[in-house]
Amino acid sequence: MRFRILFISGCPDDARHLSQMLHALPLELDHAASLQQARKILGTQDYRVIFTTADLPDATWLDVVEAAGSVPVIVADPQADGRLWSEVLNRGGYDLLAMPFFARHAVLRAGGAARCEQCR
C-alpha cells in the first residue's frame, strides 16, 4: 500500500534529496514551499506523515504541528540538539531529524510515523 508524505521546506533541493532517500518506501512525496501552500494541499490529500524544516518562509515548525492535526510531524533542522528534540516532542511533534538528512534515519522515521496508528 502506498502512502503520501508532505515535505514543507523553502528549499526545493531538500525535497529532491529527501525524495531520493525515501525511494525504497512505498510512498509518494509532495513538496510545499510554505505553510500557506501546505494548508491548500492538506485539504486535498490524505497524508500519513509530514516532514517540515524548522524555519519556513512564513511559519515555524510549531505552526506546522498545529496545522497538521493528527498527522505525525517530523521536524528537520541543521541545529538539531537535545533541547530542540525535547521541545518538538513536548509540543506535539513526532520526532526531530538533523539536516542534512541521513538516508537511514529518514527512512526509519518516515516508516515508523506512517505506521503509527496511535498518532492518528
PDB file of N, CA and C in Angstrom:
ATOM      1  N   MET A   1       0.836  -1.178   0.000  1.00  0.00           N
ATOM      2  CA  MET A   1       0.000   0.000   0.000  1.00  0.00           C
ATOM      3  C   MET A   1       0.886   1.247   0.000  1.00  0.00           C
ATOM      4  N   ARG A   2       0.621   2.155  -0.918  1.00  0.00           N
ATOM      5  CA  ARG A   2       1.380   3.402  -1.000  1.00  0.00           C
ATOM      6  C   ARG A   2       0.758   4.432  -0.066  1.00  0.00           C
ATOM      7  N   PHE A   3       1.606   5.233   0.528  1.00  0.00           N
ATOM      8  CA  PHE A   3       1.106   6.325   1.344  1.00  0.00           C
ATOM      9  C   PHE A   3       1.799   7.611   0.928  1.00  0.00           C
ATOM     10  N   ARG A   4       1.226   8.729   1.362  1.00  0.00           N
ATOM     11  CA  ARG A   4       1.735  10.035   0.950  1.00  0.00           C
ATOM     12  C   ARG A   4       2.419  10.732   2.115  1.00  0.00           C
ATOM     13  N   ILE A   5       3.515  11.406   1.778  1.00  0.00           N
ATOM     14  CA  ILE A   5       4.241  12.242   2.722  1.00  0.00           C
ATOM     15  C   ILE A   5       4.269  13.654   2.149  1.00  0.00           C
ATOM     16  N   LEU A   6       4.070  14.632   3.020  1.00  0.00           N
ATOM     17  CA  LEU A   6       4.206  16.029   2.624  1.00  0.00           C
ATOM     18  C   LEU A   6       5.491  16.569   3.246  1.00  0.00           C
ATOM     19  N   PHE A   7       6.320  17.179   2.438  1.00  0.00           N
ATOM     20  CA  PHE A   7       7.537  17.815   2.931  1.00  0.00           C
ATOM     21  C   PHE A   7       7.394  19.311   2.727  1.00  0.00           C
ATOM     22  N   ILE A   8       7.469  20.070   3.820  1.00  0.00           N
ATOM     23  CA  ILE A   8       7.328  21.523   3.760  1.00  0.00           C
ATOM     24  C   ILE A   8       8.703  22.140   3.979  1.00  0.00           C
ATOM     25  N   SER A   9       9.184  22.812   2.953  1.00  0.00           N
ATOM     26  CA  SER A   9      10.513  23.417   3.010  1.00  0.00           C
ATOM     27  C   SER A   9      10.617  24.497   1.954  1.00  0.00           C
ATOM     28  N   GLY A  10      11.274  25.572   2.299  1.00  0.00           N
ATOM     29  CA  GLY A  10      11.503  26.634   1.329  1.00  0.00           C
ATOM     30  C   GLY A  10      12.585  26.293   0.320  1.00  0.00           C
ATOM     31  N   CYS A  11      13.212  25.131   0.461  1.00  0.00           N
ATOM     32  CA  CYS A  11      14.327  24.739  -0.409  1.00  0.00           C
ATOM     33  C   CYS A  11      13.965  23.508  -1.249  1.00  0.00           C
ATOM     34  N   PRO A  12      13.720  23.673  -2.550  1.00  0.00           N
ATOM     35  CA  PRO A  12      13.378  22.534  -3.409  1.00  0.00           C
ATOM     36  C   PRO A  12      14.464  21.459  -3.447  1.00  0.00           C
ATOM     37  N   ASP A  13      15.728  21.846  -3.276  1.00  0.00           N
ATOM     38  CA  ASP A  13      16.807  20.849  -3.270  1.00  0.00           C
ATOM     39  C   ASP A  13      16.661  19.873  -2.107  1.00  0.00           C
ATOM     40  N   ASP A  14      16.207  20.372  -0.954  1.00  0.00           N
ATOM     41  CA  ASP A  14      15.973  19.480   0.187  1.00  0.00           C
ATOM     42  C   ASP A  14      14.890  18.458  -0.145  1.00  0.00           C
ATOM     43  N   ALA A  15      13.856  18.890  -0.849  1.00  0.00           N
ATOM     44  CA  ALA A  15      12.771  17.981  -1.225  1.00  0.00           C
ATOM     45  C   ALA A  15      13.274  16.901  -2.179  1.00  0.00           C
ATOM     46  N   ARG A  16      14.086  17.274  -3.141  1.00  0.00           N
ATOM     47  CA  ARG A  16      14.643  16.278  -4.065  1.00  0.00           C
ATOM     48  C   ARG A  16      15.532  15.282  -3.323  1.00  0.00           C
ATOM     49  N   HIS A  17      16.337  15.792  -2.411  1.00  0.00           N
ATOM     50  CA  HIS A  17      17.236  14.932  -1.639  1.00  0.00           C
ATOM     51  C   HIS A  17      16.431  13.935  -0.796  1.00  0.00           C
ATOM     52  N   LEU A  18      15.409  14.420  -0.104  1.00  0.00           N
ATOM     53  CA  LEU A  18      14.576  13.539   0.718  1.00  0.00           C
ATOM     54  C   LEU A  18      13.859  12.511  -0.146  1.00  0.00           C
ATOM     55  N   SER A  19      13.350  12.927  -1.282  1.00  0.00           N
ATOM     56  CA  SER A  19      12.665  12.008  -2.192  1.00  0.00           C
ATOM     57  C   SER A  19      13.590  10.882  -2.640  1.00  0.00           C
ATOM     58  N   GLN A  20      14.825  11.216  -2.956  1.00  0.00           N
ATOM     59  CA  GLN A  20      15.792  10.194  -3.377  1.00  0.00           C
ATOM     60  C   GLN A  20      16.079   9.208  -2.248  1.00  0.00           C
ATOM     61  N   MET A  21      16.138   9.690  -1.024  1.00  0.00           N
ATOM     62  CA  MET A  21      16.426   8.805   0.105  1.00  0.00           C
ATOM     63  C   MET A  21      15.269   7.867   0.417  1.00  0.00           C
ATOM     64  N   LEU A  22      14.052   8.335   0.194  1.00  0.00           N
ATOM     65  CA  LEU A  22      12.871   7.552   0.554  1.00  0.00           C
ATOM     66  C   LEU A  22      12.343   6.710  -0.600  1.00  0.00           C
ATOM     67  N   HIS A  23      13.065   6.655  -1.714  1.00  0.00           N
ATOM     68  CA  HIS A  23      12.566   5.977  -2.912  1.00  0.00           C
ATOM     69  C   HIS A  23      12.241   4.504  -2.683  1.00  0.00           C
ATOM     70  N   ALA A  24      12.873   3.862  -1.721  1.00  0.00           N
ATOM     71  CA  ALA A  24      12.637   2.431  -1.486  1.00  0.00           C
ATOM     72  C   ALA A  24      11.321   2.165  -0.758  1.00  0.00           C
ATOM     73  N   LEU A  25      10.747   3.188  -0.163  1.00  0.00           N
ATOM     74  CA  LEU A  25       9.481   3.009   0.556  1.00  0.00           C
ATOM     75  C   LEU A  25       8.306   3.154  -0.408  1.00  0.00           C
ATOM     76  N   PRO A  26       7.202   2.486  -0.109  1.00  0.00           N
ATOM     77  CA  PRO A  26       6.011   2.612  -0.963  1.00  0.00           C
ATOM     78  C   PRO A  26       5.270   3.914  -0.656  1.00  0.00           C
ATOM     79  N   LEU A  27       5.795   5.011  -1.157  1.00  0.00           N
ATOM     80  CA  LEU A  27       5.199   6.303  -0.839  1.00  0.00           C
ATOM     81  C   LEU A  27       5.303   7.264  -2.003  1.00  0.00           C
ATOM     82  N   GLU A  28       4.539   8.325  -1.873  1.00  0.00           N
ATOM     83  CA  GLU A  28       4.629   9.449  -2.795  1.00  0.00           C
ATOM     84  C   GLU A  28       4.936  10.678  -1.957  1.00  0.00           C
ATOM     85  N   LEU A  29       5.909  11.447  -2.383  1.00  0.00           N
ATOM     86  CA  LEU A  29       6.327  12.635  -1.650  1.00  0.00           C
ATOM     87  C   LEU A  29       5.865  13.878  -2.386  1.00  0.00           C
ATOM     88  N   ASP A  30       5.117  14.720  -1.691  1.00  0.00           N
ATOM     89  CA  ASP A  30       4.709  16.011  -2.230  1.00  0.00           C
ATOM     90  C   ASP A  30       5.513  17.091  -1.515  1.00  0.00           C
ATOM     91  N   HIS A  31       5.747  18.200  -2.205  1.00  0.00           N
ATOM     92  CA  HIS A  31       6.522  19.295  -1.626  1.00  0.00           C
ATOM     93  C   HIS A  31       5.691  20.568  -1.612  1.00  0.00           C
ATOM     94  N   ALA A  32       5.732  21.274  -0.487  1.00  0.00           N
ATOM     95  CA  ALA A  32       5.146  22.606  -0.373  1.00  0.00           C
ATOM     96  C   ALA A  32       6.255  23.551   0.073  1.00  0.00           C
ATOM     97  N   ALA A  33       6.328  24.720  -0.526  1.00  0.00           N
ATOM     98  CA  ALA A  33       7.399  25.666  -0.226  1.00  0.00           C
ATOM     99  C   ALA A  33       7.107  26.540   0.989  1.00  0.00           C
ATOM    100  N   SER A  34       5.865  26.505   1.476  1.00  0.00           N
ATOM    101  CA  SER A  34       5.480  27.344   2.614  1.00  0.00           C
ATOM    102  C   SER A  34       4.303  26.695   3.338  1.00  0.00           C
ATOM    103  N   LEU A  35       4.013  27.179   4.532  1.00  0.00           N
ATOM    104  CA  LEU A  35       2.849  26.664   5.253  1.00  0.00           C
ATOM    105  C   LEU A  35       1.566  27.052   4.526  1.00  0.00           C
ATOM    106  N   GLN A  36       1.533  28.235   3.954  1.00  0.00           N
ATOM    107  CA  GLN A  36       0.348  28.651   3.200  1.00  0.00           C
ATOM    108  C   GLN A  36       0.060  27.663   2.068  1.00  0.00           C
ATOM    109  N   GLN A  37       1.075  27.297   1.324  1.00  0.00           N
ATOM    110  CA  GLN A  37       0.897  26.327   0.244  1.00  0.00           C
ATOM    111  C   GLN A  37       0.519  24.959   0.817  1.00  0.00           C
ATOM    112  N   ALA A  38       1.117  24.582   1.923  1.00  0.00           N
ATOM    113  CA  ALA A  38       0.819  23.287   2.544  1.00  0.00           C
ATOM    114  C   ALA A  38      -0.635  23.210   2.997  1.00  0.00           C
ATOM    115  N   ARG A  39      -1.160  24.291   3.548  1.00  0.00           N
ATOM    116  CA  ARG A  39      -2.562  24.291   4.003  1.00  0.00           C
ATOM    117  C   ARG A  39      -3.513  23.979   2.841  1.00  0.00           C
ATOM    118  N   LYS A  40      -3.212  24.504   1.663  1.00  0.00           N
ATOM    119  CA  LYS A  40      -4.050  24.230   0.493  1.00  0.00           C
ATOM    120  C   LYS A  40      -3.988  22.754   0.116  1.00  0.00           C
ATOM    121  N   ILE A  41      -2.794  22.175   0.189  1.00  0.00           N
ATOM    122  CA  ILE A  41      -2.605  20.770  -0.181  1.00  0.00           C
ATOM    123  C   ILE A  41      -3.198  19.833   0.863  1.00  0.00           C
ATOM    124  N   LEU A  42      -3.079  20.195   2.143  1.00  0.00           N
ATOM    125  CA  LEU A  42      -3.544  19.315   3.226  1.00  0.00           C
ATOM    126  C   LEU A  42      -5.023  18.972   3.102  1.00  0.00           C
ATOM    127  N   GLY A  43      -5.805  19.889   2.584  1.00  0.00           N
ATOM    128  CA  GLY A  43      -7.232  19.633   2.441  1.00  0.00           C
ATOM    129  C   GLY A  43      -7.589  18.728   1.281  1.00  0.00           C
ATOM    130  N   THR A  44      -6.636  18.431   0.409  1.00  0.00           N
ATOM    131  CA  THR A  44      -6.945  17.651  -0.788  1.00  0.00           C
ATOM    132  C   THR A  44      -6.360  16.246  -0.784  1.00  0.00           C
ATOM    133  N   GLN A  45      -5.438  15.968   0.131  1.00  0.00           N
ATOM    134  CA  GLN A  45      -4.769  14.662   0.167  1.00  0.00           C
ATOM    135  C   GLN A  45      -4.785  14.099   1.587  1.00  0.00           C
ATOM    136  N   ASP A  46      -4.660  12.786   1.681  1.00  0.00           N
ATOM    137  CA  ASP A  46      -4.557  12.117   2.973  1.00  0.00           C
ATOM    138  C   ASP A  46      -3.087  11.791   3.218  1.00  0.00           C
ATOM    139  N   TYR A  47      -2.438  12.580   4.050  1.00  0.00           N
ATOM    140  CA  TYR A  47      -1.019  12.376   4.331  1.00  0.00           C
ATOM    141  C   TYR A  47      -0.843  11.531   5.579  1.00  0.00           C
ATOM    142  N   ARG A  48       0.111  10.604   5.525  1.00  0.00           N
ATOM    143  CA  ARG A  48       0.430   9.763   6.679  1.00  0.00           C
ATOM    144  C   ARG A  48       1.504  10.399   7.543  1.00  0.00           C
ATOM    145  N   VAL A  49       2.352  11.233   6.934  1.00  0.00           N
ATOM    146  CA  VAL A  49       3.463  11.873   7.638  1.00  0.00           C
ATOM    147  C   VAL A  49       3.725  13.238   7.005  1.00  0.00           C
ATOM    148  N   ILE A  50       4.120  14.196   7.837  1.00  0.00           N
ATOM    149  CA  ILE A  50       4.582  15.489   7.344  1.00  0.00           C
ATOM    150  C   ILE A  50       6.003  15.697   7.850  1.00  0.00           C
ATOM    151  N   PHE A  51       6.915  15.969   6.928  1.00  0.00           N
ATOM    152  CA  PHE A  51       8.259  16.432   7.272  1.00  0.00           C
ATOM    153  C   PHE A  51       8.232  17.944   7.093  1.00  0.00           C
ATOM    154  N   THR A  52       8.871  18.677   7.977  1.00  0.00           N
ATOM    155  CA  THR A  52       8.990  20.120   7.798  1.00  0.00           C
ATOM    156  C   THR A  52      10.342  20.602   8.297  1.00  0.00           C
ATOM    157  N   THR A  53      10.877  21.601   7.633  1.00  0.00           N
ATOM    158  CA  THR A  53      12.057  22.247   8.185  1.00  0.00           C
ATOM    159  C   THR A  53      11.588  23.132   9.336  1.00  0.00           C
ATOM    160  N   ALA A  54      12.478  23.387  10.280  1.00  0.00           N
ATOM    161  CA  ALA A  54      12.099  24.133  11.479  1.00  0.00           C
ATOM    162  C   ALA A  54      11.665  25.558  11.154  1.00  0.00           C
ATOM    163  N   ASP A  55      12.364  26.190  10.228  1.00  0.00           N
ATOM    164  CA  ASP A  55      12.042  27.567   9.849  1.00  0.00           C
ATOM    165  C   ASP A  55      11.576  27.603   8.409  1.00  0.00           C
ATOM    166  N   LEU A  56      10.365  28.077   8.223  1.00  0.00           N
ATOM    167  CA  LEU A  56       9.783  28.211   6.887  1.00  0.00           C
ATOM    168  C   LEU A  56       9.700  29.694   6.531  1.00  0.00           C
ATOM    169  N   PRO A  57       9.492  30.010   5.270  1.00  0.00           N
ATOM    170  CA  PRO A  57       9.396  31.418   4.884  1.00  0.00           C
ATOM    171  C   PRO A  57       8.259  32.157   5.599  1.00  0.00           C
ATOM    172  N   ASP A  58       7.191  31.426   5.951  1.00  0.00           N
ATOM    173  CA  ASP A  58       6.019  32.077   6.532  1.00  0.00           C
ATOM    174  C   ASP A  58       5.576  31.479   7.865  1.00  0.00           C
ATOM    175  N   ALA A  59       6.379  30.616   8.469  1.00  0.00           N
ATOM    176  CA  ALA A  59       5.928  29.949   9.691  1.00  0.00           C
ATOM    177  C   ALA A  59       7.095  29.246  10.378  1.00  0.00           C
ATOM    178  N   THR A  60       6.780  28.604  11.495  1.00  0.00           N
ATOM    179  CA  THR A  60       7.751  27.778  12.209  1.00  0.00           C
ATOM    180  C   THR A  60       7.231  26.350  12.254  1.00  0.00           C
ATOM    181  N   TRP A  61       8.058  25.449  12.739  1.00  0.00           N
ATOM    182  CA  TRP A  61       7.645  24.046  12.863  1.00  0.00           C
ATOM    183  C   TRP A  61       6.427  23.914  13.767  1.00  0.00           C
ATOM    184  N   LEU A  62       6.313  24.753  14.788  1.00  0.00           N
ATOM    185  CA  LEU A  62       5.172  24.663  15.695  1.00  0.00           C
ATOM    186  C   LEU A  62       3.868  25.002  14.973  1.00  0.00           C
ATOM    187  N   ASP A  63       3.910  25.958  14.061  1.00  0.00           N
ATOM    188  CA  ASP A  63       2.730  26.277  13.250  1.00  0.00           C
ATOM    189  C   ASP A  63       2.320  25.070  12.412  1.00  0.00           C
ATOM    190  N   VAL A  64       3.296  24.331  11.912  1.00  0.00           N
ATOM    191  CA  VAL A  64       3.009  23.129  11.115  1.00  0.00           C
ATOM    192  C   VAL A  64       2.364  22.063  11.993  1.00  0.00           C
ATOM    193  N   VAL A  65       2.893  21.849  13.197  1.00  0.00           N
ATOM    194  CA  VAL A  65       2.303  20.867  14.120  1.00  0.00           C
ATOM    195  C   VAL A  65       0.845  21.218  14.382  1.00  0.00           C
ATOM    196  N   GLU A  66       0.559  22.487  14.612  1.00  0.00           N
ATOM    197  CA  GLU A  66      -0.816  22.917  14.870  1.00  0.00           C
ATOM    198  C   GLU A  66      -1.705  22.708  13.651  1.00  0.00           C
ATOM    199  N   ALA A  67      -1.194  22.960  12.461  1.00  0.00           N
ATOM    200  CA  ALA A  67      -1.981  22.801  11.231  1.00  0.00           C
ATOM    201  C   ALA A  67      -2.181  21.339  10.854  1.00  0.00           C
ATOM    202  N   ALA A  68      -1.287  20.468  11.300  1.00  0.00           N
ATOM    203  CA  ALA A  68      -1.304  19.059  10.881  1.00  0.00           C
ATOM    204  C   ALA A  68      -2.409  18.241  11.526  1.00  0.00           C
ATOM    205  N   GLY A  69      -2.955  18.704  12.616  1.00  0.00           N
ATOM    206  CA  GLY A  69      -3.975  17.903  13.296  1.00  0.00           C
ATOM    207  C   GLY A  69      -3.381  16.614  13.825  1.00  0.00           C
ATOM    208  N   SER A  70      -3.923  15.479  13.394  1.00  0.00           N
ATOM    209  CA  SER A  70      -3.466  14.178  13.893  1.00  0.00           C
ATOM    210  C   SER A  70      -2.349  13.553  13.055  1.00  0.00           C
ATOM    211  N   VAL A  71      -1.901  14.241  12.019  1.00  0.00           N
ATOM    212  CA  VAL A  71      -0.837  13.700  11.166  1.00  0.00           C
ATOM    213  C   VAL A  71       0.510  13.903  11.872  1.00  0.00           C
ATOM    214  N   PRO A  72       1.319  12.843  12.019  1.00  0.00           N
ATOM    215  CA  PRO A  72       2.622  12.990  12.669  1.00  0.00           C
ATOM    216  C   PRO A  72       3.532  13.951  11.899  1.00  0.00           C
ATOM    217  N   VAL A  73       4.202  14.834  12.640  1.00  0.00           N
ATOM    218  CA  VAL A  73       5.108  15.816  12.044  1.00  0.00           C
ATOM    219  C   VAL A  73       6.536  15.533  12.495  1.00  0.00           C
ATOM    220  N   ILE A  74       7.423  15.367  11.523  1.00  0.00           N
ATOM    221  CA  ILE A  74       8.849  15.193  11.782  1.00  0.00           C
ATOM    222  C   ILE A  74       9.534  16.499  11.400  1.00  0.00           C
ATOM    223  N   VAL A  75      10.200  17.104  12.365  1.00  0.00           N
ATOM    224  CA  VAL A  75      10.865  18.390  12.164  1.00  0.00           C
ATOM    225  C   VAL A  75      12.324  18.144  11.787  1.00  0.00           C
ATOM    226  N   ALA A  76      12.829  18.909  10.837  1.00  0.00           N
ATOM    227  CA  ALA A  76      14.226  18.802  10.408  1.00  0.00           C
ATOM    228  C   ALA A  76      14.914  20.149  10.595  1.00  0.00           C
ATOM    229  N   ASP A  77      16.130  20.095  11.151  1.00  0.00           N
ATOM    230  CA  ASP A  77      16.853  21.336  11.408  1.00  0.00           C
ATOM    231  C   ASP A  77      18.353  21.075  11.442  1.00  0.00           C
ATOM    232  N   PRO A  78      19.153  21.950  10.838  1.00  0.00           N
ATOM    233  CA  PRO A  78      20.601  21.750  10.891  1.00  0.00           C
ATOM    234  C   PRO A  78      21.170  21.930  12.297  1.00  0.00           C
ATOM    235  N   GLN A  79      20.443  22.619  13.159  1.00  0.00           N
ATOM    236  CA  GLN A  79      20.890  22.856  14.530  1.00  0.00           C
ATOM    237  C   GLN A  79      20.210  21.913  15.520  1.00  0.00           C
ATOM    238  N   ALA A  80      19.785  20.748  15.060  1.00  0.00           N
ATOM    239  CA  ALA A  80      19.083  19.792  15.923  1.00  0.00           C
ATOM    240  C   ALA A  80      19.952  19.436  17.124  1.00  0.00           C
ATOM    241  N   ASP A  81      19.354  19.545  18.301  1.00  0.00           N
ATOM    242  CA  ASP A  81      20.052  19.178  19.526  1.00  0.00           C
ATOM    243  C   ASP A  81      19.026  18.649  20.527  1.00  0.00           C
ATOM    244  N   GLY A  82      19.494  18.267  21.689  1.00  0.00           N
ATOM    245  CA  GLY A  82      18.613  17.693  22.695  1.00  0.00           C
ATOM    246  C   GLY A  82      17.518  18.634  23.149  1.00  0.00           C
ATOM    247  N   ARG A  83      17.830  19.923  23.256  1.00  0.00           N
ATOM    248  CA  ARG A  83      16.822  20.893  23.681  1.00  0.00           C
ATOM    249  C   ARG A  83      15.688  20.989  22.666  1.00  0.00           C
ATOM    250  N   LEU A  84      16.046  21.108  21.382  1.00  0.00           N
ATOM    251  CA  LEU A  84      15.018  21.204  20.345  1.00  0.00           C
ATOM    252  C   LEU A  84      14.243  19.899  20.234  1.00  0.00           C
ATOM    253  N   TRP A  85      14.920  18.764  20.337  1.00  0.00           N
ATOM    254  CA  TRP A  85      14.242  17.465  20.282  1.00  0.00           C
ATOM    255  C   TRP A  85      13.193  17.376  21.383  1.00  0.00           C
ATOM    256  N   SER A  86      13.564  17.767  22.601  1.00  0.00           N
ATOM    257  CA  SER A  86      12.630  17.740  23.723  1.00  0.00           C
ATOM    258  C   SER A  86      11.445  18.672  23.474  1.00  0.00           C
ATOM    259  N   GLU A  87      11.725  19.861  22.956  1.00  0.00           N
ATOM    260  CA  GLU A  87      10.653  20.812  22.673  1.00  0.00           C
ATOM    261  C   GLU A  87       9.707  20.276  21.603  1.00  0.00           C
ATOM    262  N   VAL A  88      10.256  19.701  20.546  1.00  0.00           N
ATOM    263  CA  VAL A  88       9.422  19.136  19.478  1.00  0.00           C
ATOM    264  C   VAL A  88       8.493  18.065  20.049  1.00  0.00           C
ATOM    265  N   LEU A  89       9.040  17.140  20.823  1.00  0.00           N
ATOM    266  CA  LEU A  89       8.217  16.065  21.386  1.00  0.00           C
ATOM    267  C   LEU A  89       7.182  16.603  22.363  1.00  0.00           C
ATOM    268  N   ASN A  90       7.573  17.535  23.213  1.00  0.00           N
ATOM    269  CA  ASN A  90       6.655  18.076  24.217  1.00  0.00           C
ATOM    270  C   ASN A  90       5.557  18.943  23.623  1.00  0.00           C
ATOM    271  N   ARG A  91       5.767  19.442  22.412  1.00  0.00           N
ATOM    272  CA  ARG A  91       4.771  20.322  21.802  1.00  0.00           C
ATOM    273  C   ARG A  91       4.001  19.645  20.677  1.00  0.00           C
ATOM    274  N   GLY A  92       4.072  18.314  20.610  1.00  0.00           N
ATOM    275  CA  GLY A  92       3.214  17.584  19.688  1.00  0.00           C
ATOM    276  C   GLY A  92       3.857  17.043  18.436  1.00  0.00           C
ATOM    277  N   GLY A  93       5.139  17.299  18.223  1.00  0.00           N
ATOM    278  CA  GLY A  93       5.823  16.738  17.064  1.00  0.00           C
ATOM    279  C   GLY A  93       6.122  15.263  17.276  1.00  0.00           C
ATOM    280  N   TYR A  94       6.359  14.551  16.190  1.00  0.00           N
ATOM    281  CA  TYR A  94       6.661  13.116  16.265  1.00  0.00           C
ATOM    282  C   TYR A  94       8.142  12.872  16.512  1.00  0.00           C
ATOM    283  N   ASP A  95       9.012  13.647  15.854  1.00  0.00           N
ATOM    284  CA  ASP A  95      10.450  13.447  16.016  1.00  0.00           C
ATOM    285  C   ASP A  95      11.201  14.631  15.415  1.00  0.00           C
ATOM    286  N   LEU A  96      12.514  14.648  15.663  1.00  0.00           N
ATOM    287  CA  LEU A  96      13.412  15.664  15.124  1.00  0.00           C
ATOM    288  C   LEU A  96      14.543  14.964  14.391  1.00  0.00           C
ATOM    289  N   LEU A  97      14.841  15.424  13.195  1.00  0.00           N
ATOM    290  CA  LEU A  97      15.968  14.909  12.416  1.00  0.00           C
ATOM    291  C   LEU A  97      16.959  16.033  12.152  1.00  0.00           C
ATOM    292  N   ALA A  98      18.227  15.692  12.210  1.00  0.00           N
ATOM    293  CA  ALA A  98      19.262  16.658  11.855  1.00  0.00           C
ATOM    294  C   ALA A  98      19.368  16.753  10.339  1.00  0.00           C
ATOM    295  N   MET A  99      19.680  17.940   9.867  1.00  0.00           N
ATOM    296  CA  MET A  99      19.948  18.140   8.448  1.00  0.00           C
ATOM    297  C   MET A  99      21.431  18.409   8.297  1.00  0.00           C
ATOM    298  N   PRO A 100      22.080  17.967   7.250  1.00  0.00           N
ATOM    299  CA  PRO A 100      21.470  17.245   6.133  1.00  0.00           C
ATOM    300  C   PRO A 100      20.985  15.872   6.578  1.00  0.00           C
ATOM    301  N   PHE A 101      19.979  15.385   5.854  1.00  0.00           N
ATOM    302  CA  PHE A 101      19.378  14.102   6.191  1.00  0.00           C
ATOM    303  C   PHE A 101      20.348  12.955   5.977  1.00  0.00           C
ATOM    304  N   PHE A 102      20.260  11.977   6.844  1.00  0.00           N
ATOM    305  CA  PHE A 102      20.935  10.699   6.634  1.00  0.00           C
ATOM    306  C   PHE A 102      19.863   9.725   6.187  1.00  0.00           C
ATOM    307  N   ALA A 103      20.096   9.032   5.092  1.00  0.00           N
ATOM    308  CA  ALA A 103      19.075   8.179   4.478  1.00  0.00           C
ATOM    309  C   ALA A 103      18.465   7.203   5.474  1.00  0.00           C
ATOM    310  N   ARG A 104      19.290   6.513   6.229  1.00  0.00           N
ATOM    311  CA  ARG A 104      18.772   5.505   7.159  1.00  0.00           C
ATOM    312  C   ARG A 104      17.820   6.131   8.178  1.00  0.00           C
ATOM    313  N   HIS A 105      18.186   7.275   8.732  1.00  0.00           N
ATOM    314  CA  HIS A 105      17.335   7.935   9.719  1.00  0.00           C
ATOM    315  C   HIS A 105      16.019   8.393   9.098  1.00  0.00           C
ATOM    316  N   ALA A 106      16.083   8.969   7.914  1.00  0.00           N
ATOM    317  CA  ALA A 106      14.872   9.451   7.253  1.00  0.00           C
ATOM    318  C   ALA A 106      13.921   8.305   6.943  1.00  0.00           C
ATOM    319  N   VAL A 107      14.447   7.195   6.444  1.00  0.00           N
ATOM    320  CA  VAL A 107      13.613   6.033   6.114  1.00  0.00           C
ATOM    321  C   VAL A 107      12.976   5.457   7.373  1.00  0.00           C
ATOM    322  N   LEU A 108      13.765   5.297   8.424  1.00  0.00           N
ATOM    323  CA  LEU A 108      13.223   4.735   9.667  1.00  0.00           C
ATOM    324  C   LEU A 108      12.144   5.624  10.263  1.00  0.00           C
ATOM    325  N   ARG A 109      12.380   6.930  10.311  1.00  0.00           N
ATOM    326  CA  ARG A 109      11.392   7.839  10.904  1.00  0.00           C
ATOM    327  C   ARG A 109      10.122   7.905  10.062  1.00  0.00           C
ATOM    328  N   ALA A 110      10.269   7.988   8.744  1.00  0.00           N
ATOM    329  CA  ALA A 110       9.093   8.060   7.870  1.00  0.00           C
ATOM    330  C   ALA A 110       8.263   6.794   7.980  1.00  0.00           C
ATOM    331  N   GLY A 111       8.908   5.646   7.922  1.00  0.00           N
ATOM    332  CA  GLY A 111       8.183   4.383   8.025  1.00  0.00           C
ATOM    333  C   GLY A 111       7.513   4.213   9.367  1.00  0.00           C
ATOM    334  N   GLY A 112       8.210   4.557  10.436  1.00  0.00           N
ATOM    335  CA  GLY A 112       7.637   4.446  11.774  1.00  0.00           C
ATOM    336  C   GLY A 112       6.455   5.371  11.974  1.00  0.00           C
ATOM    337  N   ALA A 113       6.573   6.597  11.538  1.00  0.00           N
ATOM    338  CA  ALA A 113       5.482   7.551  11.693  1.00  0.00           C
ATOM    339  C   ALA A 113       4.275   7.158  10.855  1.00  0.00           C
ATOM    340  N   ALA A 114       4.504   6.636   9.665  1.00  0.00           N
ATOM    341  CA  ALA A 114       3.396   6.234   8.787  1.00  0.00           C
ATOM    342  C   ALA A 114       2.613   5.068   9.377  1.00  0.00           C
ATOM    343  N   ARG A 115       3.301   4.200  10.114  1.00  0.00           N
ATOM    344  CA  ARG A 115       2.627   3.049  10.722  1.00  0.00           C
ATOM    345  C   ARG A 115       2.072   3.348  12.107  1.00  0.00           C
ATOM    346  N   CYS A 116       2.292   4.521  12.603  1.00  0.00           N
ATOM    347  CA  CYS A 116       1.929   4.878  13.973  1.00  0.00           C
ATOM    348  C   CYS A 116       0.426   5.151  14.077  1.00  0.00           C
ATOM    349  N   GLU A 117      -0.341   4.107  14.302  1.00  0.00           N
ATOM    350  CA  GLU A 117      -1.798   4.258  14.387  1.00  0.00           C
ATOM    351  C   GLU A 117      -2.211   5.087  15.598  1.00  0.00           C
ATOM    352  N   GLN A 118      -1.450   5.018  16.690  1.00  0.00           N
ATOM    353  CA  GLN A 118      -1.810   5.782  17.873  1.00  0.00           C
ATOM    354  C   GLN A 118      -1.646   7.280  17.657  1.00  0.00           C
ATOM    355  N   CYS A 119      -0.921   7.668  16.616  1.00  0.00           N
ATOM    356  CA  CYS A 119      -0.728   9.090  16.324  1.00  0.00           C
ATOM    357  C   CYS A 119      -1.961   9.700  15.673  1.00  0.00           C
ATOM    358  N   ARG A 120      -2.837   8.900  15.165  1.00  0.00           N
ATOM    359  CA  ARG A 120      -3.997   9.400  14.418  1.00  0.00           C
ATOM    360  C   ARG A 120      -5.178   9.641  15.311  1.00  0.00           C
TER     361      ARG A 120
END
